């Protein structure tokens, strides 16, 4: 399963790596991936990435992905149809 890397994931990974004082090389070694993979994840480069790669890299720096139902978290808004609802009052 491929997924788009979100900006939130990229920022979270980079911030955690820096917080731990690790280089991209060290994270790559811990996760068993290439430095290019870490760099790409942090910069959101590439169309898609394997979910297991994101999970593995996150675990290497002490993070985990937790599924949240769409709309159940304050930061998650339900998908919009792109149409605005207009309420009119009669005079």
PDB file of N, CA and C in Angstrom:
ATOM      1  N   UNK A   1       0.845  -1.176   0.000  1.00  0.00           N
ATOM      2  CA  UNK A   1       0.000   0.000   0.000  1.00  0.00           C
ATOM      3  C   UNK A   1       0.889   1.237   0.000  1.00  0.00           C
ATOM      4  N   UNK A   2       0.732   2.089  -0.962  1.00  0.00           N
ATOM      5  CA  UNK A   2       1.465   3.349  -1.022  1.00  0.00           C
ATOM      6  C   UNK A   2       0.603   4.466  -0.461  1.00  0.00           C
ATOM      7  N   UNK A   3       1.238   5.432   0.156  1.00  0.00           N
ATOM      8  CA  UNK A   3       0.517   6.583   0.669  1.00  0.00           C
ATOM      9  C   UNK A   3       1.327   7.846   0.442  1.00  0.00           C
ATOM     10  N   UNK A   4       0.635   8.943   0.399  1.00  0.00           N
ATOM     11  CA  UNK A   4       1.299  10.236   0.301  1.00  0.00           C
ATOM     12  C   UNK A   4       1.883  10.574   1.675  1.00  0.00           C
ATOM     13  N   UNK A   5       3.064  11.129   1.673  1.00  0.00           N
ATOM     14  CA  UNK A   5       3.663  11.588   2.920  1.00  0.00           C
ATOM     15  C   UNK A   5       3.089  12.961   3.224  1.00  0.00           C
ATOM     16  N   UNK A   6       2.503  13.104   4.398  1.00  0.00           N
ATOM     17  CA  UNK A   6       1.896  14.382   4.738  1.00  0.00           C
ATOM     18  C   UNK A   6       2.935  15.344   5.298  1.00  0.00           C
ATOM     19  N   UNK A   7       2.625  16.611   5.217  1.00  0.00           N
ATOM     20  CA  UNK A   7       3.525  17.630   5.773  1.00  0.00           C
ATOM     21  C   UNK A   7       3.699  17.411   7.272  1.00  0.00           C
ATOM     22  N   UNK A   8       2.619  17.016   7.939  1.00  0.00           N
ATOM     23  CA  UNK A   8       2.683  16.775   9.387  1.00  0.00           C
ATOM     24  C   UNK A   8       3.673  15.656   9.706  1.00  0.00           C
ATOM     25  N   UNK A   9       3.616  14.558   8.945  1.00  0.00           N
ATOM     26  CA  UNK A   9       4.555  13.455   9.180  1.00  0.00           C
ATOM     27  C   UNK A   9       5.983  13.913   8.967  1.00  0.00           C
ATOM     28  N   UNK A  10       6.210  14.663   7.902  1.00  0.00           N
ATOM     29  CA  UNK A  10       7.557  15.130   7.578  1.00  0.00           C
ATOM     30  C   UNK A  10       8.119  16.008   8.686  1.00  0.00           C
ATOM     31  N   UNK A  11       7.310  16.950   9.138  1.00  0.00           N
ATOM     32  CA  UNK A  11       7.741  17.859  10.200  1.00  0.00           C
ATOM     33  C   UNK A  11       7.966  17.110  11.506  1.00  0.00           C
ATOM     34  N   UNK A  12       7.064  16.190  11.829  1.00  0.00           N
ATOM     35  CA  UNK A  12       7.187  15.409  13.058  1.00  0.00           C
ATOM     36  C   UNK A  12       8.467  14.593  13.054  1.00  0.00           C
ATOM     37  N   UNK A  13       8.759  13.935  11.941  1.00  0.00           N
ATOM     38  CA  UNK A  13       9.973  13.125  11.834  1.00  0.00           C
ATOM     39  C   UNK A  13      11.215  13.993  11.995  1.00  0.00           C
ATOM     40  N   UNK A  14      11.291  15.072  11.263  1.00  0.00           N
ATOM     41  CA  UNK A  14      12.464  15.952  11.327  1.00  0.00           C
ATOM     42  C   UNK A  14      12.647  16.518  12.737  1.00  0.00           C
ATOM     43  N   UNK A  15      11.558  17.004  13.341  1.00  0.00           N
ATOM     44  CA  UNK A  15      11.644  17.578  14.690  1.00  0.00           C
ATOM     45  C   UNK A  15      12.114  16.545  15.710  1.00  0.00           C
ATOM     46  N   UNK A  16      11.601  15.327  15.618  1.00  0.00           N
ATOM     47  CA  UNK A  16      11.996  14.268  16.554  1.00  0.00           C
ATOM     48  C   UNK A  16      13.457  13.882  16.352  1.00  0.00           C
ATOM     49  N   UNK A  17      13.892  13.778  15.113  1.00  0.00           N
ATOM     50  CA  UNK A  17      15.293  13.435  14.827  1.00  0.00           C
ATOM     51  C   UNK A  17      16.221  14.479  15.436  1.00  0.00           C
ATOM     52  N   UNK A  18      15.890  15.745  15.243  1.00  0.00           N
ATOM     53  CA  UNK A  18      16.705  16.839  15.779  1.00  0.00           C
ATOM     54  C   UNK A  18      16.664  16.832  17.307  1.00  0.00           C
ATOM     55  N   UNK A  19      15.477  16.610  17.872  1.00  0.00           N
ATOM     56  CA  UNK A  19      15.321  16.548  19.329  1.00  0.00           C
ATOM     57  C   UNK A  19      16.224  15.470  19.925  1.00  0.00           C
ATOM     58  N   UNK A  20      16.357  14.350  19.225  1.00  0.00           N
ATOM     59  CA  UNK A  20      17.191  13.244  19.698  1.00  0.00           C
ATOM     60  C   UNK A  20      18.669  13.448  19.381  1.00  0.00           C
ATOM     61  N   UNK A  21      18.982  14.475  18.610  1.00  0.00           N
ATOM     62  CA  UNK A  21      20.369  14.744  18.251  1.00  0.00           C
ATOM     63  C   UNK A  21      20.933  13.747  17.253  1.00  0.00           C
ATOM     64  N   UNK A  22      20.060  13.223  16.388  1.00  0.00           N
ATOM     65  CA  UNK A  22      20.476  12.224  15.401  1.00  0.00           C
ATOM     66  C   UNK A  22      20.631  12.851  14.022  1.00  0.00           C
ATOM     67  N   UNK A  23      21.549  12.307  13.257  1.00  0.00           N
ATOM     68  CA  UNK A  23      21.686  12.701  11.857  1.00  0.00           C
ATOM     69  C   UNK A  23      20.736  11.852  11.026  1.00  0.00           C
ATOM     70  N   UNK A  24      20.521  12.266   9.786  1.00  0.00           N
ATOM     71  CA  UNK A  24      19.711  11.444   8.885  1.00  0.00           C
ATOM     72  C   UNK A  24      20.371  10.082   8.689  1.00  0.00           C
ATOM     73  N   UNK A  25      21.684  10.045   8.628  1.00  0.00           N
ATOM     74  CA  UNK A  25      22.424   8.784   8.471  1.00  0.00           C
ATOM     75  C   UNK A  25      22.136   7.851   9.652  1.00  0.00           C
ATOM     76  N   UNK A  26      22.160   8.391  10.867  1.00  0.00           N
ATOM     77  CA  UNK A  26      21.912   7.566  12.055  1.00  0.00           C
ATOM     78  C   UNK A  26      20.487   7.019  12.064  1.00  0.00           C
ATOM     79  N   UNK A  27      19.527   7.842  11.694  1.00  0.00           N
ATOM     80  CA  UNK A  27      18.135   7.376  11.628  1.00  0.00           C
ATOM     81  C   UNK A  27      18.001   6.304  10.554  1.00  0.00           C
ATOM     82  N   UNK A  28      18.629   6.521   9.411  1.00  0.00           N
ATOM     83  CA  UNK A  28      18.585   5.536   8.327  1.00  0.00           C
ATOM     84  C   UNK A  28      19.155   4.201   8.793  1.00  0.00           C
ATOM     85  N   UNK A  29      20.281   4.238   9.502  1.00  0.00           N
ATOM     86  CA  UNK A  29      20.888   3.008  10.012  1.00  0.00           C
ATOM     87  C   UNK A  29      19.972   2.313  11.015  1.00  0.00           C
ATOM     88  N   UNK A  30      19.364   3.086  11.910  1.00  0.00           N
ATOM     89  CA  UNK A  30      18.448   2.513  12.898  1.00  0.00           C
ATOM     90  C   UNK A  30      17.230   1.867  12.240  1.00  0.00           C
ATOM     91  N   UNK A  31      16.743   2.484  11.175  1.00  0.00           N
ATOM     92  CA  UNK A  31      15.526   2.007  10.507  1.00  0.00           C
ATOM     93  C   UNK A  31      15.806   0.986   9.408  1.00  0.00           C
ATOM     94  N   UNK A  32      17.073   0.858   9.016  1.00  0.00           N
ATOM     95  CA  UNK A  32      17.399  -0.082   7.942  1.00  0.00           C
ATOM     96  C   UNK A  32      16.972   0.413   6.573  1.00  0.00           C
ATOM     97  N   UNK A  33      17.004   1.722   6.395  1.00  0.00           N
ATOM     98  CA  UNK A  33      16.663   2.322   5.103  1.00  0.00           C
ATOM     99  C   UNK A  33      17.823   3.209   4.661  1.00  0.00           C
ATOM    100  N   UNK A  34      17.703   3.800   3.491  1.00  0.00           N
ATOM    101  CA  UNK A  34      18.774   4.662   2.990  1.00  0.00           C
ATOM    102  C   UNK A  34      18.618   6.090   3.518  1.00  0.00           C
ATOM    103  N   UNK A  35      19.713   6.821   3.493  1.00  0.00           N
ATOM    104  CA  UNK A  35      19.681   8.236   3.866  1.00  0.00           C
ATOM    105  C   UNK A  35      18.749   8.989   2.921  1.00  0.00           C
ATOM    106  N   UNK A  36      18.741   8.592   1.667  1.00  0.00           N
ATOM    107  CA  UNK A  36      17.848   9.224   0.690  1.00  0.00           C
ATOM    108  C   UNK A  36      16.393   9.071   1.113  1.00  0.00           C
ATOM    109  N   UNK A  37      16.032   7.909   1.648  1.00  0.00           N
ATOM    110  CA  UNK A  37      14.662   7.688   2.113  1.00  0.00           C
ATOM    111  C   UNK A  37      14.316   8.662   3.231  1.00  0.00           C
ATOM    112  N   UNK A  38      15.222   8.812   4.192  1.00  0.00           N
ATOM    113  CA  UNK A  38      14.972   9.734   5.307  1.00  0.00           C
ATOM    114  C   UNK A  38      14.854  11.164   4.789  1.00  0.00           C
ATOM    115  N   UNK A  39      15.766  11.547   3.934  1.00  0.00           N
ATOM    116  CA  UNK A  39      15.742  12.893   3.357  1.00  0.00           C
ATOM    117  C   UNK A  39      14.439  13.137   2.606  1.00  0.00           C
ATOM    118  N   UNK A  40      14.037  12.167   1.809  1.00  0.00           N
ATOM    119  CA  UNK A  40      12.798  12.301   1.035  1.00  0.00           C
ATOM    120  C   UNK A  40      11.575  12.392   1.942  1.00  0.00           C
ATOM    121  N   UNK A  41      11.549  11.589   3.011  1.00  0.00           N
ATOM    122  CA  UNK A  41      10.427  11.648   3.946  1.00  0.00           C
ATOM    123  C   UNK A  41      10.359  13.015   4.616  1.00  0.00           C
ATOM    124  N   UNK A  42      11.510  13.544   5.006  1.00  0.00           N
ATOM    125  CA  UNK A  42      11.527  14.839   5.681  1.00  0.00           C
ATOM    126  C   UNK A  42      11.173  15.989   4.744  1.00  0.00           C
ATOM    127  N   UNK A  43      11.415  15.805   3.466  1.00  0.00           N
ATOM    128  CA  UNK A  43      11.138  16.872   2.498  1.00  0.00           C
ATOM    129  C   UNK A  43       9.902  16.596   1.649  1.00  0.00           C
ATOM    130  N   UNK A  44       9.202  15.503   1.921  1.00  0.00           N
ATOM    131  CA  UNK A  44       8.007  15.104   1.161  1.00  0.00           C
ATOM    132  C   UNK A  44       8.309  14.939  -0.319  1.00  0.00           C
ATOM    133  N   UNK A  45       9.466  14.366  -0.626  1.00  0.00           N
ATOM    134  CA  UNK A  45       9.865  14.153  -2.020  1.00  0.00           C
ATOM    135  C   UNK A  45       9.385  12.769  -2.440  1.00  0.00           C
ATOM    136  N   UNK A  46       8.911  12.659  -3.652  1.00  0.00           N
ATOM    137  CA  UNK A  46       8.436  11.377  -4.155  1.00  0.00           C
ATOM    138  C   UNK A  46       6.924  11.336  -4.073  1.00  0.00           C
ATOM    139  N   UNK A  47       6.336  10.669  -4.989  1.00  0.00           N
ATOM    140  CA  UNK A  47       4.877  10.641  -5.064  1.00  0.00           C
ATOM    141  C   UNK A  47       4.257   9.853  -3.919  1.00  0.00           C
ATOM    142  N   UNK A  48       4.870   8.761  -3.540  1.00  0.00           N
ATOM    143  CA  UNK A  48       4.275   7.904  -2.523  1.00  0.00           C
ATOM    144  C   UNK A  48       5.365   7.098  -1.840  1.00  0.00           C
ATOM    145  N   UNK A  49       5.016   6.542  -0.700  1.00  0.00           N
ATOM    146  CA  UNK A  49       5.956   5.736   0.068  1.00  0.00           C
ATOM    147  C   UNK A  49       5.181   4.562   0.668  1.00  0.00           C
ATOM    148  N   UNK A  50       5.878   3.477   0.912  1.00  0.00           N
ATOM    149  CA  UNK A  50       5.246   2.331   1.551  1.00  0.00           C
ATOM    150  C   UNK A  50       4.906   2.693   2.997  1.00  0.00           C
ATOM    151  N   UNK A  51       3.703   2.372   3.433  1.00  0.00           N
ATOM    152  CA  UNK A  51       3.291   2.648   4.805  1.00  0.00           C
ATOM    153  C   UNK A  51       4.249   1.984   5.785  1.00  0.00           C
ATOM    154  N   UNK A  52       4.665   0.770   5.494  1.00  0.00           N
ATOM    155  CA  UNK A  52       5.565   0.072   6.426  1.00  0.00           C
ATOM    156  C   UNK A  52       6.885   0.819   6.583  1.00  0.00           C
ATOM    157  N   UNK A  53       7.328   1.533   5.538  1.00  0.00           N
ATOM    158  CA  UNK A  53       8.558   2.319   5.638  1.00  0.00           C
ATOM    159  C   UNK A  53       8.367   3.469   6.617  1.00  0.00           C
ATOM    160  N   UNK A  54       7.245   4.159   6.523  1.00  0.00           N
ATOM    161  CA  UNK A  54       6.955   5.261   7.448  1.00  0.00           C
ATOM    162  C   UNK A  54       6.881   4.732   8.877  1.00  0.00           C
ATOM    163  N   UNK A  55       6.186   3.623   9.084  1.00  0.00           N
ATOM    164  CA  UNK A  55       6.052   3.028  10.414  1.00  0.00           C
ATOM    165  C   UNK A  55       7.422   2.649  10.965  1.00  0.00           C
ATOM    166  N   UNK A  56       8.258   2.022  10.140  1.00  0.00           N
ATOM    167  CA  UNK A  56       9.597   1.595  10.558  1.00  0.00           C
ATOM    168  C   UNK A  56      10.472   2.784  10.935  1.00  0.00           C
ATOM    169  N   UNK A  57      10.459   3.811  10.108  1.00  0.00           N
ATOM    170  CA  UNK A  57      11.274   5.001  10.378  1.00  0.00           C
ATOM    171  C   UNK A  57      10.774   5.697  11.645  1.00  0.00           C
ATOM    172  N   UNK A  58       9.465   5.838  11.783  1.00  0.00           N
ATOM    173  CA  UNK A  58       8.921   6.460  12.991  1.00  0.00           C
ATOM    174  C   UNK A  58       9.322   5.666  14.231  1.00  0.00           C
ATOM    175  N   UNK A  59       9.209   4.352  14.175  1.00  0.00           N
ATOM    176  CA  UNK A  59       9.570   3.512  15.323  1.00  0.00           C
ATOM    177  C   UNK A  59      11.040   3.684  15.691  1.00  0.00           C
ATOM    178  N   UNK A  60      11.889   3.865  14.699  1.00  0.00           N
ATOM    179  CA  UNK A  60      13.329   4.019  14.940  1.00  0.00           C
ATOM    180  C   UNK A  60      13.641   5.266  15.765  1.00  0.00           C
ATOM    181  N   UNK A  61      12.764   6.268  15.708  1.00  0.00           N
ATOM    182  CA  UNK A  61      12.987   7.495  16.479  1.00  0.00           C
ATOM    183  C   UNK A  61      11.977   7.642  17.627  1.00  0.00           C
ATOM    184  N   UNK A  62      11.299   6.537  17.962  1.00  0.00           N
ATOM    185  CA  UNK A  62      10.400   6.535  19.108  1.00  0.00           C
ATOM    186  C   UNK A  62       9.029   7.126  18.864  1.00  0.00           C
ATOM    187  N   UNK A  63       8.595   7.134  17.610  1.00  0.00           N
ATOM    188  CA  UNK A  63       7.270   7.646  17.266  1.00  0.00           C
ATOM    189  C   UNK A  63       6.394   6.508  16.768  1.00  0.00           C
ATOM    190  N   UNK A  64       5.091   6.721  16.800  1.00  0.00           N
ATOM    191  CA  UNK A  64       4.183   5.744  16.203  1.00  0.00           C
ATOM    192  C   UNK A  64       3.052   6.468  15.487  1.00  0.00           C
ATOM    193  N   UNK A  65       2.504   5.786  14.513  1.00  0.00           N
ATOM    194  CA  UNK A  65       1.330   6.303  13.806  1.00  0.00           C
ATOM    195  C   UNK A  65       0.098   5.732  14.490  1.00  0.00           C
ATOM    196  N   UNK A  66      -0.842   6.594  14.791  1.00  0.00           N
ATOM    197  CA  UNK A  66      -2.060   6.158  15.456  1.00  0.00           C
ATOM    198  C   UNK A  66      -3.235   6.531  14.567  1.00  0.00           C
ATOM    199  N   UNK A  67      -4.047   5.544  14.167  1.00  0.00           N
ATOM    200  CA  UNK A  67      -5.192   5.870  13.318  1.00  0.00           C
ATOM    201  C   UNK A  67      -6.244   6.665  14.096  1.00  0.00           C
ATOM    202  N   UNK A  68      -6.817   7.640  13.430  1.00  0.00           N
ATOM    203  CA  UNK A  68      -7.863   8.474  14.013  1.00  0.00           C
ATOM    204  C   UNK A  68      -8.993   8.552  12.999  1.00  0.00           C
ATOM    205  N   UNK A  69     -10.219   8.380  13.464  1.00  0.00           N
ATOM    206  CA  UNK A  69     -11.360   8.514  12.571  1.00  0.00           C
ATOM    207  C   UNK A  69     -11.448   9.939  12.069  1.00  0.00           C
ATOM    208  N   UNK A  70     -11.628  10.089  10.778  1.00  0.00           N
ATOM    209  CA  UNK A  70     -11.752  11.409  10.173  1.00  0.00           C
ATOM    210  C   UNK A  70     -12.917  12.149  10.824  1.00  0.00           C
ATOM    211  N   UNK A  71     -12.664  13.377  11.221  1.00  0.00           N
ATOM    212  CA  UNK A  71     -13.696  14.185  11.838  1.00  0.00           C
ATOM    213  C   UNK A  71     -13.781  14.036  13.346  1.00  0.00           C
ATOM    214  N   UNK A  72     -13.069  13.052  13.930  1.00  0.00           N
ATOM    215  CA  UNK A  72     -13.145  12.846  15.370  1.00  0.00           C
ATOM    216  C   UNK A  72     -12.053  13.587  16.122  1.00  0.00           C
ATOM    217  N   UNK A  73     -11.128  14.183  15.412  1.00  0.00           N
ATOM    218  CA  UNK A  73     -10.015  14.915  16.015  1.00  0.00           C
ATOM    219  C   UNK A  73     -10.151  16.373  15.610  1.00  0.00           C
ATOM    220  N   UNK A  74      -9.898  17.300  16.539  1.00  0.00           N
ATOM    221  CA  UNK A  74     -10.081  18.721  16.201  1.00  0.00           C
ATOM    222  C   UNK A  74      -9.316  19.179  14.966  1.00  0.00           C
ATOM    223  N   UNK A  75      -8.191  18.554  14.676  1.00  0.00           N
ATOM    224  CA  UNK A  75      -7.404  18.957  13.516  1.00  0.00           C
ATOM    225  C   UNK A  75      -7.867  18.342  12.213  1.00  0.00           C
ATOM    226  N   UNK A  76      -8.861  17.474  12.284  1.00  0.00           N
ATOM    227  CA  UNK A  76      -9.334  16.778  11.089  1.00  0.00           C
ATOM    228  C   UNK A  76     -10.749  17.222  10.760  1.00  0.00           C
ATOM    229  N   UNK A  77     -10.911  17.849   9.655  1.00  0.00           N
ATOM    230  CA  UNK A  77     -12.244  18.244   9.207  1.00  0.00           C
ATOM    231  C   UNK A  77     -12.746  17.222   8.207  1.00  0.00           C
ATOM    232  N   UNK A  78     -14.035  16.937   8.209  1.00  0.00           N
ATOM    233  CA  UNK A  78     -14.561  16.008   7.211  1.00  0.00           C
ATOM    234  C   UNK A  78     -14.362  16.567   5.810  1.00  0.00           C
ATOM    235  N   UNK A  79     -14.233  15.678   4.836  1.00  0.00           N
ATOM    236  CA  UNK A  79     -14.023  16.165   3.473  1.00  0.00           C
ATOM    237  C   UNK A  79     -15.175  17.052   3.021  1.00  0.00           C
ATOM    238  N   UNK A  80     -14.847  18.092   2.307  1.00  0.00           N
ATOM    239  CA  UNK A  80     -15.847  19.033   1.821  1.00  0.00           C
ATOM    240  C   UNK A  80     -16.193  18.706   0.378  1.00  0.00           C
ATOM    241  N   UNK A  81     -17.425  18.942   0.030  1.00  0.00           N
ATOM    242  CA  UNK A  81     -17.829  18.705  -1.353  1.00  0.00           C
ATOM    243  C   UNK A  81     -17.391  19.854  -2.246  1.00  0.00           C
ATOM    244  N   UNK A  82     -16.835  20.901  -1.616  1.00  0.00           N
ATOM    245  CA  UNK A  82     -16.418  22.058  -2.393  1.00  0.00           C
ATOM    246  C   UNK A  82     -17.540  23.066  -2.592  1.00  0.00           C
ATOM    247  N   UNK A  83     -18.725  22.732  -2.119  1.00  0.00           N
ATOM    248  CA  UNK A  83     -19.864  23.626  -2.250  1.00  0.00           C
ATOM    249  C   UNK A  83     -20.117  24.294  -0.909  1.00  0.00           C
ATOM    250  N   UNK A  84     -20.450  25.540  -0.965  1.00  0.00           N
ATOM    251  CA  UNK A  84     -20.767  26.264   0.256  1.00  0.00           C
ATOM    252  C   UNK A  84     -22.271  26.298   0.439  1.00  0.00           C
ATOM    253  N   UNK A  85     -22.677  26.135   1.656  1.00  0.00           N
ATOM    254  CA  UNK A  85     -24.096  26.212   1.959  1.00  0.00           C
ATOM    255  C   UNK A  85     -24.424  27.657   2.321  1.00  0.00           C
ATOM    256  N   UNK A  86     -25.374  28.210   1.633  1.00  0.00           N
ATOM    257  CA  UNK A  86     -25.759  29.598   1.863  1.00  0.00           C
ATOM    258  C   UNK A  86     -27.130  29.606   2.513  1.00  0.00           C
ATOM    259  N   UNK A  87     -27.223  30.337   3.611  1.00  0.00           N
ATOM    260  CA  UNK A  87     -28.502  30.434   4.302  1.00  0.00           C
ATOM    261  C   UNK A  87     -29.089  31.811   4.019  1.00  0.00           C
ATOM    262  N   UNK A  88     -30.293  31.809   3.521  1.00  0.00           N
ATOM    263  CA  UNK A  88     -30.945  33.074   3.185  1.00  0.00           C
ATOM    264  C   UNK A  88     -32.162  33.269   4.080  1.00  0.00           C
ATOM    265  N   UNK A  89     -32.372  34.505   4.421  1.00  0.00           N
ATOM    266  CA  UNK A  89     -33.569  34.819   5.200  1.00  0.00           C
ATOM    267  C   UNK A  89     -34.546  35.578   4.309  1.00  0.00           C
ATOM    268  N   UNK A  90     -35.810  35.302   4.504  1.00  0.00           N
ATOM    269  CA  UNK A  90     -36.846  35.989   3.736  1.00  0.00           C
ATOM    270  C   UNK A  90     -37.201  37.285   4.434  1.00  0.00           C
ATOM    271  N   UNK A  91     -37.424  38.326   3.660  1.00  0.00           N
ATOM    272  CA  UNK A  91     -37.839  39.620   4.232  1.00  0.00           C
ATOM    273  C   UNK A  91     -39.223  39.949   3.805  1.00  0.00           C
TER     274      UNK A  91
END
